[in-house]
């Protein structure tokens, strides 16, 4: 348990920040799940729309420090490759 006033304040701040970050991470995952479901559905148009909606959300997570920059880049790259594979038959 926090004893000093400073450590008590830090505990409160951490609690608030954790809640905010959890909400942001959840929101990002929801957008990514929508892209995954669109890809699984096989509809290229819906998947492309979902990807366009997910990209700014994922990048916002990077600027807020919820997701690492390279992690976001990797996720976008892999998702966009899968969406592109839907549109252009191999």
Protein backbone atom coordinates (compact mmCIF):
# COMPACT_ATOMS: atom_id res chain seq x y z
CA UNK A 1 0.00 0.00 0.00
CA UNK A 2 1.21 3.49 -0.85
CA UNK A 3 2.37 5.38 2.23
CA UNK A 4 3.57 8.81 1.19
CA UNK A 5 1.26 11.39 -0.38
CA UNK A 6 3.33 11.29 -3.56
CA UNK A 7 3.08 7.50 -3.87
CA UNK A 8 -0.67 7.68 -3.19
CA UNK A 9 -1.06 10.22 -5.99
CA UNK A 10 1.03 8.09 -8.33
CA UNK A 11 -1.18 5.10 -7.52
CA UNK A 12 -4.29 7.13 -8.41
CA UNK A 13 -2.72 8.36 -11.63
CA UNK A 14 -1.66 4.85 -12.60
CA UNK A 15 -5.17 3.56 -11.98
CA UNK A 16 -6.70 6.25 -14.23
CA UNK A 17 -4.09 5.79 -16.94
CA UNK A 18 -4.54 2.02 -16.88
CA UNK A 19 -8.28 2.42 -17.43
CA UNK A 20 -7.74 4.82 -20.34
CA UNK A 21 -5.11 2.62 -21.97
CA UNK A 22 -7.30 -0.45 -21.56
CA UNK A 23 -10.17 1.33 -23.31
CA UNK A 24 -7.88 2.46 -26.14
CA UNK A 25 -6.42 -1.02 -26.59
CA UNK A 26 -9.91 -2.52 -26.61
CA UNK A 27 -11.05 0.00 -29.23
CA UNK A 28 -8.06 -0.83 -31.46
CA UNK A 29 -8.72 -4.55 -31.13
CA UNK A 30 -12.36 -4.02 -32.09
CA UNK A 31 -11.34 -2.26 -35.31
CA UNK A 32 -8.81 -4.99 -36.10
CA UNK A 33 -11.42 -7.67 -35.43
CA UNK A 34 -13.78 -5.99 -37.90
CA UNK A 35 -11.07 -6.21 -40.56
CA UNK A 36 -10.43 -9.87 -39.72
CA UNK A 37 -14.14 -10.68 -39.96
CA UNK A 38 -14.44 -8.87 -43.29
CA UNK A 39 -11.47 -10.84 -44.64
CA UNK A 40 -12.97 -14.08 -43.38
CA UNK A 41 -16.26 -13.12 -45.04
CA UNK A 42 -14.43 -12.76 -48.33
CA UNK A 43 -15.89 -9.35 -49.20
CA UNK A 44 -13.02 -7.27 -50.54
CA UNK A 45 -14.95 -3.97 -50.51
CA UNK A 46 -16.01 -4.30 -46.86
CA UNK A 47 -12.52 -5.45 -45.86
CA UNK A 48 -10.92 -2.45 -47.57
CA UNK A 49 -13.34 -0.08 -45.80
CA UNK A 50 -12.67 -1.72 -42.45
CA UNK A 51 -8.92 -1.46 -43.04
CA UNK A 52 -9.22 2.25 -43.86
CA UNK A 53 -11.16 2.76 -40.64
CA UNK A 54 -8.67 0.73 -38.57
CA UNK A 55 -5.50 2.45 -39.74
CA UNK A 56 -5.96 5.84 -38.02
CA UNK A 57 -7.15 4.09 -34.87
CA UNK A 58 -4.03 1.94 -34.79
CA UNK A 59 -1.75 4.92 -35.46
CA UNK A 60 -3.50 6.88 -32.70
CA UNK A 61 -2.59 4.01 -30.39
CA UNK A 62 1.04 4.51 -31.38
CA UNK A 63 1.00 8.23 -30.60
CA UNK A 64 -0.69 7.57 -27.24
CA UNK A 65 1.88 4.92 -26.35
CA UNK A 66 -0.56 2.01 -26.18
CA UNK A 67 0.96 0.14 -29.14
CA UNK A 68 4.58 0.09 -30.28
CA UNK A 69 5.26 1.73 -33.64
CA UNK A 70 6.70 -1.42 -35.23
CA UNK A 71 3.83 -3.53 -33.92
CA UNK A 72 1.31 -1.21 -35.57
CA UNK A 73 3.31 -1.20 -38.81
CA UNK A 74 3.50 -5.00 -38.81
CA UNK A 75 -0.24 -5.37 -38.19
CA UNK A 76 -1.14 -2.87 -40.93
CA UNK A 77 1.24 -4.50 -43.38
CA UNK A 78 -0.10 -8.01 -42.80
CA UNK A 79 -3.74 -6.93 -42.88
CA UNK A 80 -3.32 -4.84 -46.03
CA UNK A 81 -1.57 -7.76 -47.75
CA UNK A 82 -4.49 -10.03 -46.87
CA UNK A 83 -7.04 -7.46 -48.08
CA UNK A 84 -5.07 -7.00 -51.29
CA UNK A 85 -5.05 -10.77 -51.82
CA UNK A 86 -8.85 -10.67 -51.70
CA UNK A 87 -9.11 -7.97 -54.37
CA UNK A 88 -6.50 -9.35 -56.76
CA UNK A 89 -6.95 -13.09 -57.43
CA UNK A 90 -3.57 -14.82 -57.44
